[in-house]
C-alpha atoms as a PDB file:
ATOM      1  CA  MET A   1     -18.749  38.290 -34.996  1.00  0.00           C
ATOM      2  CA  VAL A   2     -15.083  38.813 -35.847  1.00  0.00           C
ATOM      3  CA  LEU A   3     -14.437  39.932 -32.278  1.00  0.00           C
ATOM      4  CA  PHE A   4     -15.985  36.716 -30.955  1.00  0.00           C
ATOM      5  CA  ILE A   5     -13.822  34.587 -33.245  1.00  0.00           C
ATOM      6  CA  ASN A   6     -10.688  36.478 -32.213  1.00  0.00           C
ATOM      7  CA  LEU A   7     -11.531  36.084 -28.516  1.00  0.00           C
ATOM      8  CA  ALA A   8     -12.205  32.376 -28.989  1.00  0.00           C
ATOM      9  CA  LEU A   9      -8.860  31.905 -30.737  1.00  0.00           C
ATOM     10  CA  ILE A  10      -7.024  33.848 -28.028  1.00  0.00           C
ATOM     11  CA  ILE A  11      -8.685  31.754 -25.307  1.00  0.00           C
ATOM     12  CA  LEU A  12      -7.762  28.540 -27.135  1.00  0.00           C
ATOM     13  CA  ILE A  13      -4.143  29.603 -27.583  1.00  0.00           C
ATOM     14  CA  ILE A  14      -3.745  30.710 -23.962  1.00  0.00           C
ATOM     15  CA  GLY A  15      -5.483  27.574 -22.679  1.00  0.00           C
ATOM     16  CA  TYR A  16      -3.318  25.239 -24.724  1.00  0.00           C
ATOM     17  CA  SER A  17      -0.153  27.118 -23.772  1.00  0.00           C
ATOM     18  CA  THR A  18      -1.078  26.858 -20.095  1.00  0.00           C
ATOM     19  CA  PHE A  19      -1.735  23.131 -20.477  1.00  0.00           C
ATOM     20  CA  VAL A  20       1.617  22.505 -22.183  1.00  0.00           C
ATOM     21  CA  ILE A  21       3.593  24.548 -19.650  1.00  0.00           C
ATOM     22  CA  LYS A  22       1.838  22.848 -16.719  1.00  0.00           C
ATOM     23  CA  ARG A  23       2.532  19.387 -18.182  1.00  0.00           C
ATOM     24  CA  TYR A  24       6.189  20.284 -18.786  1.00  0.00           C
ATOM     25  CA  ILE A  25       6.640  21.496 -15.201  1.00  0.00           C
ATOM     26  CA  GLN A  26       4.996  18.374 -13.778  1.00  0.00           C
ATOM     27  CA  LYS A  27       7.198  16.071 -15.868  1.00  0.00           C
ATOM     28  CA  SER A  28      10.358  17.988 -15.030  1.00  0.00           C
ATOM     29  CA  LYS A  29       9.607  17.654 -11.307  1.00  0.00           C
ATOM     30  CA  GLN A  30       9.399  13.851 -11.668  1.00  0.00           C
ATOM     31  CA  GLY A  31      12.962  13.535 -12.939  1.00  0.00           C
ATOM     32  CA  LYS A  32      14.311  12.154 -16.178  1.00  0.00           C
ATOM     33  CA  CYS A  33      13.505   8.464 -15.629  1.00  0.00           C
ATOM     34  CA  SER A  34      10.134   8.656 -13.904  1.00  0.00           C
ATOM     35  CA  SER A  35       8.726  11.077 -16.461  1.00  0.00           C
ATOM     36  CA  CYS A  36       9.700   8.809 -19.358  1.00  0.00           C
ATOM     37  CA  GLY A  37       6.935   6.699 -20.869  1.00  0.00           C
ATOM     38  CA  SER A  38       9.067   3.551 -20.930  1.00  0.00           C
ATOM     39  CA  ASN A  39      10.456   3.833 -17.405  1.00  0.00           C
ATOM     40  CA  HIS A  40       9.356   0.287 -16.456  1.00  0.00           C
ATOM     41  CA  SER A  41      11.319  -1.466 -19.194  1.00  0.00           C
ATOM     42  CA  CYS A  42      14.366   0.774 -19.551  1.00  0.00           C
ATOM     43  CA  PRO A  43      17.642  -0.725 -18.326  1.00  0.00           C
ATOM     44  CA  THR A  44      19.475   2.401 -17.173  1.00  0.00           C
ATOM     45  CA  ASP A  45      22.818   0.606 -16.976  1.00  0.00           C
ATOM     46  CA  GLN A  46      22.786   0.371 -20.791  1.00  0.00           C
ATOM     47  CA  LEU A  47      22.045   4.051 -21.330  1.00  0.00           C
ATOM     48  CA  PRO A  48      24.785   6.385 -22.516  1.00  0.00           C
ATOM     49  CA  LYS A  49      26.652   8.153 -19.723  1.00  0.00           C
ATOM     50  CA  HIS A  50      24.989  11.536 -20.344  1.00  0.00           C
ATOM     51  CA  LEU A  51      21.526   9.965 -19.828  1.00  0.00           C
ATOM     52  CA  GLN A  52      22.267   8.068 -16.610  1.00  0.00           C
END
């Protein structure tokens, strides 16, 4: 029983880690503005220079 619980926890941790890494890679490929949640209402001319 303990072995089953340990395997289930390992599978959950690896699955979640894979999901987070995959999501990060997909968002980083989109670029900084298109991956942002507020990209439709963000006036980029008012952003600080390091974010433009």
